[in-house]
Amino acid sequence: MNIRDIENTLIQILKSKFSNLLIQGFPEKPQEFVLLHPVGAILVHYQGGSYSTSDSLFTLTQEKNLEFAITVITRNLRANEGAYETLDKVRETLSGYQIIGCSKLTPTKENFISEINGIWQYEIRFKITTPSIENLEEEGE
């Protein structure tokens, strides 16, 4: 499973649980993002990955550990549908979910990003592992 497919799957899972919020991939130009939705938004973003070592003598096989950030943006902090409640619901929704060909999603970190004019931003990160196997196709085939 590739990065884009995993990100799209995460977006679809969140859309099925959060009909009251805008759910989408992180914008191409984040500095231009303006929250227009009356309640808030959830943005999904690939943060990076790392690879395990391989002891194989023949075919290179590794585990790829990918990290995805889910950014919660709301118009209030503690009230109903606020940042705290939404952050908890994202964690409950994604923790343990298993995308085909990957390990279960595991939360790794939550943190406050910012508050500007009553718009609150928090982030929760998830780790997922997928196999990374050497491409054995020879050139010219």
C-alpha atoms as a PDB file:
ATOM      1  CA  MET A   1       0.000   0.000   0.000  1.00  0.00           C
ATOM      2  CA  ASN A   2       1.419   3.390  -0.936  1.00  0.00           C
ATOM      3  CA  ILE A   3       1.325   6.706   0.957  1.00  0.00           C
ATOM      4  CA  ARG A   4      -1.477   8.252  -1.093  1.00  0.00           C
ATOM      5  CA  ASP A   5      -3.696   5.169  -0.696  1.00  0.00           C
ATOM      6  CA  ILE A   6      -3.176   5.126   3.070  1.00  0.00           C
ATOM      7  CA  GLU A   7      -3.896   8.862   3.319  1.00  0.00           C
ATOM      8  CA  ASN A   8      -7.073   8.477   1.223  1.00  0.00           C
ATOM      9  CA  THR A   9      -8.213   5.562   3.392  1.00  0.00           C
ATOM     10  CA  LEU A  10      -7.708   7.633   6.536  1.00  0.00           C
ATOM     11  CA  ILE A  11      -9.743  10.465   5.013  1.00  0.00           C
ATOM     12  CA  GLN A  12     -12.601   8.071   4.145  1.00  0.00           C
ATOM     13  CA  ILE A  13     -12.627   6.535   7.643  1.00  0.00           C
ATOM     14  CA  LEU A  14     -12.793   9.994   9.218  1.00  0.00           C
ATOM     15  CA  LYS A  15     -15.503  11.163   6.791  1.00  0.00           C
ATOM     16  CA  SER A  16     -17.653   8.207   7.856  1.00  0.00           C
ATOM     17  CA  LYS A  17     -17.441   9.285  11.534  1.00  0.00           C
ATOM     18  CA  PHE A  18     -17.382  13.094  11.292  1.00  0.00           C
ATOM     19  CA  SER A  19     -20.210  14.249   9.035  1.00  0.00           C
ATOM     20  CA  ASN A  20     -20.262  17.637  10.795  1.00  0.00           C
ATOM     21  CA  LEU A  21     -16.684  18.611   9.836  1.00  0.00           C
ATOM     22  CA  LEU A  22     -14.658  19.261   6.698  1.00  0.00           C
ATOM     23  CA  ILE A  23     -12.324  16.265   6.189  1.00  0.00           C
ATOM     24  CA  GLN A  24      -9.537  16.447   3.598  1.00  0.00           C
ATOM     25  CA  GLY A  25      -5.853  15.982   2.915  1.00  0.00           C
ATOM     26  CA  PHE A  26      -3.520  18.681   4.161  1.00  0.00           C
ATOM     27  CA  PRO A  27      -3.578  21.610   1.705  1.00  0.00           C
ATOM     28  CA  GLU A  28      -0.806  21.981  -0.876  1.00  0.00           C
ATOM     29  CA  LYS A  29      -0.281  25.541   0.394  1.00  0.00           C
ATOM     30  CA  PRO A  30      -1.002  25.404   4.145  1.00  0.00           C
ATOM     31  CA  GLN A  31      -0.322  29.114   4.637  1.00  0.00           C
ATOM     32  CA  GLU A  32      -3.311  29.847   2.368  1.00  0.00           C
ATOM     33  CA  PHE A  33      -5.760  27.577   4.234  1.00  0.00           C
ATOM     34  CA  VAL A  34      -8.657  29.476   5.796  1.00  0.00           C
ATOM     35  CA  LEU A  35     -11.248  27.700   7.929  1.00  0.00           C
ATOM     36  CA  LEU A  36     -14.563  28.523   6.262  1.00  0.00           C
ATOM     37  CA  HIS A  37     -16.509  25.596   7.702  1.00  0.00           C
ATOM     38  CA  PRO A  38     -18.856  26.702  10.512  1.00  0.00           C
ATOM     39  CA  VAL A  39     -17.689  23.982  12.949  1.00  0.00           C
ATOM     40  CA  GLY A  40     -14.175  22.907  11.983  1.00  0.00           C
ATOM     41  CA  ALA A  41     -11.945  20.666   9.903  1.00  0.00           C
ATOM     42  CA  ILE A  42      -9.760  17.591  10.111  1.00  0.00           C
ATOM     43  CA  LEU A  43      -6.708  17.503   7.852  1.00  0.00           C
ATOM     44  CA  VAL A  44      -4.667  14.354   7.126  1.00  0.00           C
ATOM     45  CA  HIS A  45      -0.944  14.646   6.395  1.00  0.00           C
ATOM     46  CA  TYR A  46       1.913  12.197   5.828  1.00  0.00           C
ATOM     47  CA  GLN A  47       4.805  13.178   8.106  1.00  0.00           C
ATOM     48  CA  GLY A  48       7.511  10.745   7.043  1.00  0.00           C
ATOM     49  CA  GLY A  49       8.753   7.237   7.578  1.00  0.00           C
ATOM     50  CA  SER A  50      11.635   5.033   8.566  1.00  0.00           C
ATOM     51  CA  TYR A  51      12.782   1.576   7.501  1.00  0.00           C
ATOM     52  CA  SER A  52      13.884  -1.412   9.526  1.00  0.00           C
ATOM     53  CA  THR A  53      17.182  -3.103   8.829  1.00  0.00           C
ATOM     54  CA  SER A  54      17.238  -6.177   6.600  1.00  0.00           C
ATOM     55  CA  ASP A  55      19.193  -9.337   7.313  1.00  0.00           C
ATOM     56  CA  SER A  56      18.303 -10.916   3.994  1.00  0.00           C
ATOM     57  CA  LEU A  57      21.126 -12.056   1.728  1.00  0.00           C
ATOM     58  CA  PHE A  58      18.988 -12.265  -1.394  1.00  0.00           C
ATOM     59  CA  THR A  59      15.778 -10.231  -1.567  1.00  0.00           C
ATOM     60  CA  LEU A  60      15.710  -6.948   0.361  1.00  0.00           C
ATOM     61  CA  THR A  61      12.716  -7.011   2.702  1.00  0.00           C
ATOM     62  CA  GLN A  62      12.052  -4.388   5.348  1.00  0.00           C
ATOM     63  CA  GLU A  63       9.268  -2.898   7.394  1.00  0.00           C
ATOM     64  CA  LYS A  64       8.383   0.685   6.567  1.00  0.00           C
ATOM     65  CA  ASN A  65       7.114   2.685   9.549  1.00  0.00           C
ATOM     66  CA  LEU A  66       4.963   5.559   8.337  1.00  0.00           C
ATOM     67  CA  GLU A  67       3.727   8.453  10.455  1.00  0.00           C
ATOM     68  CA  PHE A  68       0.559  10.379   9.680  1.00  0.00           C
ATOM     69  CA  ALA A  69      -0.592  13.571  11.399  1.00  0.00           C
ATOM     70  CA  ILE A  70      -4.253  14.355  11.855  1.00  0.00           C
ATOM     71  CA  THR A  71      -4.756  18.079  12.429  1.00  0.00           C
ATOM     72  CA  VAL A  72      -7.947  19.088  14.228  1.00  0.00           C
ATOM     73  CA  ILE A  73      -9.107  22.675  13.660  1.00  0.00           C
ATOM     74  CA  THR A  74     -12.143  23.915  15.603  1.00  0.00           C
ATOM     75  CA  ARG A  75     -13.855  27.131  16.536  1.00  0.00           C
ATOM     76  CA  ASN A  76     -13.899  26.284  20.251  1.00  0.00           C
ATOM     77  CA  LEU A  77     -11.800  24.371  22.742  1.00  0.00           C
ATOM     78  CA  ARG A  78     -13.955  22.690  25.382  1.00  0.00           C
ATOM     79  CA  ALA A  79     -17.545  23.086  24.204  1.00  0.00           C
ATOM     80  CA  ASN A  80     -19.479  20.435  22.301  1.00  0.00           C
ATOM     81  CA  GLU A  81     -17.621  19.635  19.049  1.00  0.00           C
ATOM     82  CA  GLY A  82     -14.582  21.499  20.385  1.00  0.00           C
ATOM     83  CA  ALA A  83     -10.936  20.616  19.905  1.00  0.00           C
ATOM     84  CA  TYR A  84     -10.703  18.323  22.954  1.00  0.00           C
ATOM     85  CA  GLU A  85     -13.799  16.300  22.051  1.00  0.00           C
ATOM     86  CA  THR A  86     -12.795  16.035  18.386  1.00  0.00           C
ATOM     87  CA  LEU A  87      -9.230  15.017  19.220  1.00  0.00           C
ATOM     88  CA  ASP A  88     -10.508  12.245  21.510  1.00  0.00           C
ATOM     89  CA  LYS A  89     -12.969  11.025  18.880  1.00  0.00           C
ATOM     90  CA  VAL A  90     -10.237  10.928  16.193  1.00  0.00           C
ATOM     91  CA  ARG A  91      -8.071   8.831  18.540  1.00  0.00           C
ATOM     92  CA  GLU A  92     -10.975   6.472  19.287  1.00  0.00           C
ATOM     93  CA  THR A  93     -11.853   6.161  15.590  1.00  0.00           C
ATOM     94  CA  LEU A  94      -8.367   5.432  14.249  1.00  0.00           C
ATOM     95  CA  SER A  95      -6.647   3.589  17.131  1.00  0.00           C
ATOM     96  CA  GLY A  96      -6.415  -0.078  16.243  1.00  0.00           C
ATOM     97  CA  TYR A  97      -7.933   0.334  12.772  1.00  0.00           C
ATOM     98  CA  GLN A  98      -6.159  -1.942  10.317  1.00  0.00           C
ATOM     99  CA  ILE A  99      -5.819  -0.987   6.663  1.00  0.00           C
ATOM    100  CA  ILE A 100      -5.342  -4.021   4.406  1.00  0.00           C
ATOM    101  CA  GLY A 101      -1.629  -4.837   4.071  1.00  0.00           C
ATOM    102  CA  CYS A 102      -0.636  -2.715   7.068  1.00  0.00           C
ATOM    103  CA  SER A 103      -0.363  -2.984  10.834  1.00  0.00           C
ATOM    104  CA  LYS A 104      -3.020  -1.492  13.082  1.00  0.00           C
ATOM    105  CA  LEU A 105      -2.891   2.285  13.483  1.00  0.00           C
ATOM    106  CA  THR A 106      -1.170   3.240  16.726  1.00  0.00           C
ATOM    107  CA  PRO A 107      -1.346   6.741  18.224  1.00  0.00           C
ATOM    108  CA  THR A 108       2.089   8.092  19.115  1.00  0.00           C
ATOM    109  CA  LYS A 109       1.718  11.755  20.110  1.00  0.00           C
ATOM    110  CA  GLU A 110      -0.761  14.612  20.581  1.00  0.00           C
ATOM    111  CA  ASN A 111       0.097  18.266  20.795  1.00  0.00           C
ATOM    112  CA  PHE A 112      -1.242  21.802  20.699  1.00  0.00           C
ATOM    113  CA  ILE A 113      -0.344  23.698  17.519  1.00  0.00           C
ATOM    114  CA  SER A 114      -1.938  27.138  17.875  1.00  0.00           C
ATOM    115  CA  GLU A 115      -4.888  29.354  18.746  1.00  0.00           C
ATOM    116  CA  ILE A 116      -5.561  32.384  16.583  1.00  0.00           C
ATOM    117  CA  ASN A 117      -8.722  34.459  17.025  1.00  0.00           C
ATOM    118  CA  GLY A 118     -10.598  31.555  18.619  1.00  0.00           C
ATOM    119  CA  ILE A 119      -9.533  28.969  16.025  1.00  0.00           C
ATOM    120  CA  TRP A 120      -7.873  26.070  17.871  1.00  0.00           C
ATOM    121  CA  GLN A 121      -5.439  23.633  16.248  1.00  0.00           C
ATOM    122  CA  TYR A 122      -4.258  20.355  17.713  1.00  0.00           C
ATOM    123  CA  GLU A 123      -2.488  17.419  16.129  1.00  0.00           C
ATOM    124  CA  ILE A 124      -2.506  13.702  16.813  1.00  0.00           C
ATOM    125  CA  ARG A 125       0.036  11.423  15.136  1.00  0.00           C
ATOM    126  CA  PHE A 126      -0.372   7.776  14.212  1.00  0.00           C
ATOM    127  CA  LYS A 127       2.151   5.129  13.225  1.00  0.00           C
ATOM    128  CA  ILE A 128       1.442   2.360  10.748  1.00  0.00           C
ATOM    129  CA  THR A 129       3.774  -0.315   9.391  1.00  0.00           C
ATOM    130  CA  THR A 130       3.752  -1.838   5.932  1.00  0.00           C
ATOM    131  CA  PRO A 131       6.162  -4.201   4.164  1.00  0.00           C
ATOM    132  CA  SER A 132       8.809  -2.756   1.861  1.00  0.00           C
ATOM    133  CA  ILE A 133      10.124  -5.343  -0.591  1.00  0.00           C
ATOM    134  CA  GLU A 134      12.764  -4.924  -3.259  1.00  0.00           C
ATOM    135  CA  ASN A 135      11.400  -4.646  -6.807  1.00  0.00           C
ATOM    136  CA  LEU A 136      12.665  -7.805  -8.515  1.00  0.00           C
ATOM    137  CA  GLU A 137      11.585  -6.871 -12.038  1.00  0.00           C
ATOM    138  CA  GLU A 138      14.554  -6.576 -14.367  1.00  0.00           C
ATOM    139  CA  GLU A 139      14.840  -3.660 -16.745  1.00  0.00           C
ATOM    140  CA  GLY A 140      13.538  -4.332 -20.234  1.00  0.00           C
ATOM    141  CA  GLU A 141      10.791  -6.729 -19.176  1.00  0.00           C
END
